[in-house]
Protein backbone atom coordinates (compact mmCIF):
# COMPACT_ATOMS: atom_id res chain seq x y z
CA UNK A 1 110.18 -88.10 -84.29
CA UNK A 2 108.73 -84.89 -82.92
CA UNK A 3 105.57 -85.34 -85.06
CA UNK A 4 104.97 -88.87 -83.77
CA UNK A 5 105.31 -87.75 -80.12
CA UNK A 6 102.93 -84.89 -80.74
CA UNK A 7 100.29 -87.22 -82.16
CA UNK A 8 100.66 -89.53 -79.19
CA UNK A 9 100.37 -86.61 -76.81
CA UNK A 10 97.30 -85.34 -78.64
CA UNK A 11 95.75 -88.78 -78.56
CA UNK A 12 96.47 -89.09 -74.83
CA UNK A 13 95.05 -85.61 -74.22
CA UNK A 14 91.89 -86.41 -76.15
CA UNK A 15 91.45 -89.72 -74.33
CA UNK A 16 91.94 -88.12 -70.90
CA UNK A 17 89.60 -85.30 -71.80
CA UNK A 18 86.90 -87.77 -72.87
CA UNK A 19 87.34 -89.66 -69.59
CA UNK A 20 87.04 -86.37 -67.69
CA UNK A 21 83.83 -85.49 -69.54
CA UNK A 22 82.43 -88.95 -68.90
CA UNK A 23 83.21 -88.78 -65.16
CA UNK A 24 81.73 -85.28 -64.94
CA UNK A 25 78.60 -86.46 -66.74
CA UNK A 26 78.15 -89.40 -64.37
CA UNK A 27 78.70 -87.18 -61.33
CA UNK A 28 75.98 -84.81 -62.52
CA UNK A 29 73.67 -87.73 -63.27
CA UNK A 30 74.19 -89.21 -59.80
CA UNK A 31 73.48 -85.83 -58.21
CA UNK A 32 70.28 -85.45 -60.22
CA UNK A 33 69.10 -88.93 -59.24
CA UNK A 34 69.90 -88.24 -55.57
CA UNK A 35 67.97 -84.94 -55.73
CA UNK A 36 64.97 -86.60 -57.37
CA UNK A 37 64.95 -89.38 -54.76
CA UNK A 38 65.10 -86.80 -51.94
CA UNK A 39 62.30 -84.76 -53.53
CA UNK A 40 60.14 -87.89 -53.94
CA UNK A 41 60.78 -88.87 -50.30
CA UNK A 42 59.80 -85.37 -49.14
CA UNK A 43 56.54 -85.50 -51.12
CA UNK A 44 55.75 -88.94 -49.67
CA UNK A 45 56.29 -87.70 -46.11
CA UNK A 46 54.03 -84.69 -46.73
CA UNK A 47 51.35 -86.92 -48.24
CA UNK A 48 51.25 -89.19 -45.19
CA UNK A 49 51.17 -86.13 -42.92
CA UNK A 50 48.17 -84.77 -44.81
CA UNK A 51 46.40 -88.09 -44.55
CA UNK A 52 46.63 -87.76 -40.81
CA UNK A 53 48.85 -90.81 -40.33
CA UNK A 54 46.18 -93.34 -41.21
CA UNK A 55 46.54 -96.34 -38.95
CA UNK A 56 46.53 -99.94 -40.19
CA UNK A 57 42.95 -101.14 -40.41
CA UNK A 58 41.54 -97.67 -40.90
CA UNK A 59 39.12 -96.96 -43.71
CA UNK A 60 39.14 -94.64 -46.67
CA UNK A 61 35.78 -92.99 -47.34
CA UNK A 62 33.72 -94.19 -50.26
CA UNK A 63 30.67 -92.27 -51.40
CA UNK A 64 28.49 -95.26 -50.57
CA UNK A 65 29.77 -95.19 -46.96
CA UNK A 66 29.06 -91.46 -46.68
CA UNK A 67 25.60 -91.83 -48.22
CA UNK A 68 24.72 -94.68 -45.84
CA UNK A 69 25.76 -92.61 -42.81
CA UNK A 70 23.75 -89.61 -44.01
CA UNK A 71 20.70 -91.83 -44.48
CA UNK A 72 20.96 -93.15 -40.91
CA UNK A 73 21.42 -89.59 -39.63
CA UNK A 74 18.25 -88.46 -41.42
CA UNK A 75 16.28 -91.49 -40.23
CA UNK A 76 17.24 -90.90 -36.59
CA UNK A 77 16.20 -87.25 -36.74
CA UNK A 78 12.87 -88.19 -38.33
CA UNK A 79 11.91 -90.53 -35.46
CA UNK A 80 9.77 -89.65 -32.47
CA UNK A 81 12.45 -90.29 -29.85
CA UNK A 82 12.18 -90.31 -26.09
CA UNK A 83 14.92 -88.52 -24.15
CA UNK A 84 16.58 -88.16 -20.78
CA UNK A 85 18.47 -85.01 -19.76
CA UNK A 86 21.33 -84.72 -17.27
CA UNK A 87 23.49 -81.83 -16.08
CA UNK A 88 27.12 -81.68 -14.95
CA UNK A 89 29.83 -79.14 -14.15
CA UNK A 90 33.59 -79.36 -13.80
CA UNK A 91 36.01 -76.56 -13.01
CA UNK A 92 38.24 -75.79 -15.99
CA UNK A 93 36.23 -78.12 -18.23
CA UNK A 94 32.59 -77.11 -18.49
CA UNK A 95 30.03 -74.74 -16.98
CA UNK A 96 26.32 -75.54 -17.27
CA UNK A 97 27.09 -78.85 -18.96
CA UNK A 98 24.07 -80.71 -20.34
CA UNK A 99 23.95 -84.25 -21.70
CA UNK A 100 20.78 -85.57 -23.37
CA UNK A 101 20.23 -89.17 -24.46
CA UNK A 102 17.72 -89.99 -27.19
CA UNK A 103 16.13 -93.43 -27.39
CA UNK A 104 14.42 -95.41 -30.13
CA UNK A 105 12.46 -97.76 -27.85
CA UNK A 106 15.22 -98.59 -25.36
CA UNK A 107 18.19 -98.16 -27.68
CA UNK A 108 20.39 -95.07 -27.55
CA UNK A 109 20.59 -93.67 -31.08
CA UNK A 110 21.67 -90.10 -30.38
CA UNK A 111 23.41 -88.08 -27.66
CA UNK A 112 23.76 -84.31 -27.46
CA UNK A 113 26.27 -82.62 -25.18
CA UNK A 114 26.62 -78.88 -24.60
CA UNK A 115 28.41 -76.52 -22.26
CA UNK A 116 30.51 -73.41 -22.01
CA UNK A 117 33.75 -72.17 -20.53
CA UNK A 118 34.97 -68.59 -20.51
CA UNK A 119 33.85 -66.87 -23.70
CA UNK A 120 33.34 -70.13 -25.61
CA UNK A 121 30.49 -72.61 -25.87
CA UNK A 122 29.73 -75.75 -27.84
CA UNK A 123 27.01 -78.18 -28.84
CA UNK A 124 28.06 -81.67 -29.91
CA UNK A 125 25.82 -84.35 -31.40
CA UNK A 126 26.66 -88.05 -31.58
CA UNK A 127 24.76 -90.62 -33.67
CA UNK A 128 24.85 -94.38 -33.18
CA UNK A 129 23.82 -97.55 -34.96
CA UNK A 130 23.61 -100.73 -32.85
CA UNK A 131 25.71 -99.06 -30.16
CA UNK A 132 28.47 -97.97 -32.55
CA UNK A 133 29.26 -94.34 -33.31
CA UNK A 134 28.71 -93.44 -36.97
CA UNK A 135 28.56 -89.63 -37.05
CA UNK A 136 29.50 -86.63 -34.92
CA UNK A 137 28.49 -83.01 -35.40
CA UNK A 138 30.50 -80.38 -33.52
CA UNK A 139 29.40 -76.75 -33.29
CA UNK A 140 31.81 -74.35 -31.53
CA UNK A 141 31.06 -70.72 -30.73
CA UNK A 142 33.81 -68.46 -29.38
CA UNK A 143 35.02 -64.93 -29.11
CA UNK A 144 35.65 -62.09 -26.68
CA UNK A 145 32.88 -60.52 -24.61
CA UNK A 146 33.06 -57.48 -26.90
CA UNK A 147 34.07 -58.25 -30.46
CA UNK A 148 33.54 -60.66 -33.30
CA UNK A 149 32.02 -64.04 -32.47
CA UNK A 150 33.34 -67.00 -34.45
CA UNK A 151 31.33 -70.10 -35.29
CA UNK A 152 33.00 -73.30 -36.45
CA UNK A 153 31.30 -76.54 -37.45
CA UNK A 154 32.90 -79.95 -37.89
CA UNK A 155 31.33 -83.15 -39.23
CA UNK A 156 32.91 -86.54 -38.56
CA UNK A 157 31.86 -89.57 -40.59
CA UNK A 158 32.88 -92.76 -38.80
CA UNK A 159 33.11 -96.42 -39.73
CA UNK A 160 34.35 -99.20 -37.43
CA UNK A 161 35.54 -96.59 -34.89
CA UNK A 162 37.71 -94.80 -37.46
CA UNK A 163 36.99 -91.36 -38.93
CA UNK A 164 36.67 -91.83 -42.69
CA UNK A 165 35.82 -88.23 -43.54
CA UNK A 166 36.13 -84.96 -41.63
CA UNK A 167 34.58 -81.70 -42.81
CA UNK A 168 35.19 -78.20 -41.51
CA UNK A 169 32.18 -76.28 -42.76
CA UNK A 170 31.85 -77.41 -46.38
CA UNK A 171 35.54 -78.29 -46.79
CA UNK A 172 37.02 -81.79 -46.41
CA UNK A 173 40.05 -81.72 -44.07
CA UNK A 174 42.56 -84.39 -42.92
CA UNK A 175 41.45 -86.75 -40.16
CA UNK A 176 43.92 -85.81 -37.44
CA UNK A 177 44.22 -86.57 -33.71
CA UNK A 178 41.24 -84.30 -32.98
CA UNK A 179 39.01 -86.59 -35.03
CA UNK A 180 40.31 -89.62 -33.13
CA UNK A 181 39.58 -87.87 -29.81
CA UNK A 182 36.05 -87.13 -30.99
CA UNK A 183 35.45 -90.83 -31.65
CA UNK A 184 36.83 -91.73 -28.21
CA UNK A 185 34.57 -89.15 -26.55
CA UNK A 186 31.55 -90.49 -28.43
CA UNK A 187 32.22 -93.96 -27.04
CA UNK A 188 32.78 -92.65 -23.51
CA UNK A 189 29.60 -90.57 -23.43
CA UNK A 190 27.59 -93.55 -24.71
CA UNK A 191 28.86 -95.70 -21.82
CA UNK A 192 28.39 -92.87 -19.32
CA UNK A 193 24.61 -93.35 -19.45
CA UNK A 194 25.11 -96.32 -17.14
CA UNK A 195 27.58 -94.68 -14.75
CA UNK A 196 26.33 -91.05 -14.98
CA UNK A 197 29.98 -90.04 -14.61
CA UNK A 198 29.90 -87.37 -17.29
CA UNK A 199 32.96 -85.54 -15.96
CA UNK A 200 35.20 -88.59 -16.51
CA UNK A 201 33.73 -89.12 -19.97
CA UNK A 202 34.04 -85.52 -21.16
CA UNK A 203 36.79 -83.89 -19.14
CA UNK A 204 39.52 -86.51 -18.70
């Protein structure tokens, strides 16, 4: 009688122990799955952040798009363009501001804008095809009166009013809000030829 009870107890113990191992295994598995899902979600969020929160309808750069923009840029700079130069100033925005419009016949194909404030200065170039911005070149010079001067260059390739590639020097960087602002400024300065209100276009 004692032997039979012992076998039953052993059987029960083994069964309970197997159930315990099974439950523990499933708990670990669930935790691993939850961790992997969290890790995947984190990577996805970082990826979208690096892409600069691309808006619906925006474009991803193809090499053919970039090549076409470069070709237009080279063609514009090879032309014998006429130009008109204007000056502007605005406290806290620009000192000795200069805006120059370049024309192929009567069509604006290029605008340059330069100025300075404090110890910094800049020269920006905007290129257009049929009135639409396609390329911006930004050259920023800054530094203390005595000390090292820094020079930074940005290139913005644009299609349908969306930056499709941004380069800092020779490095491709994410198209962030700064790139979007550059496109907006390019459109404002193009329209400002009619109004001559360069302060509103460049400082507001």
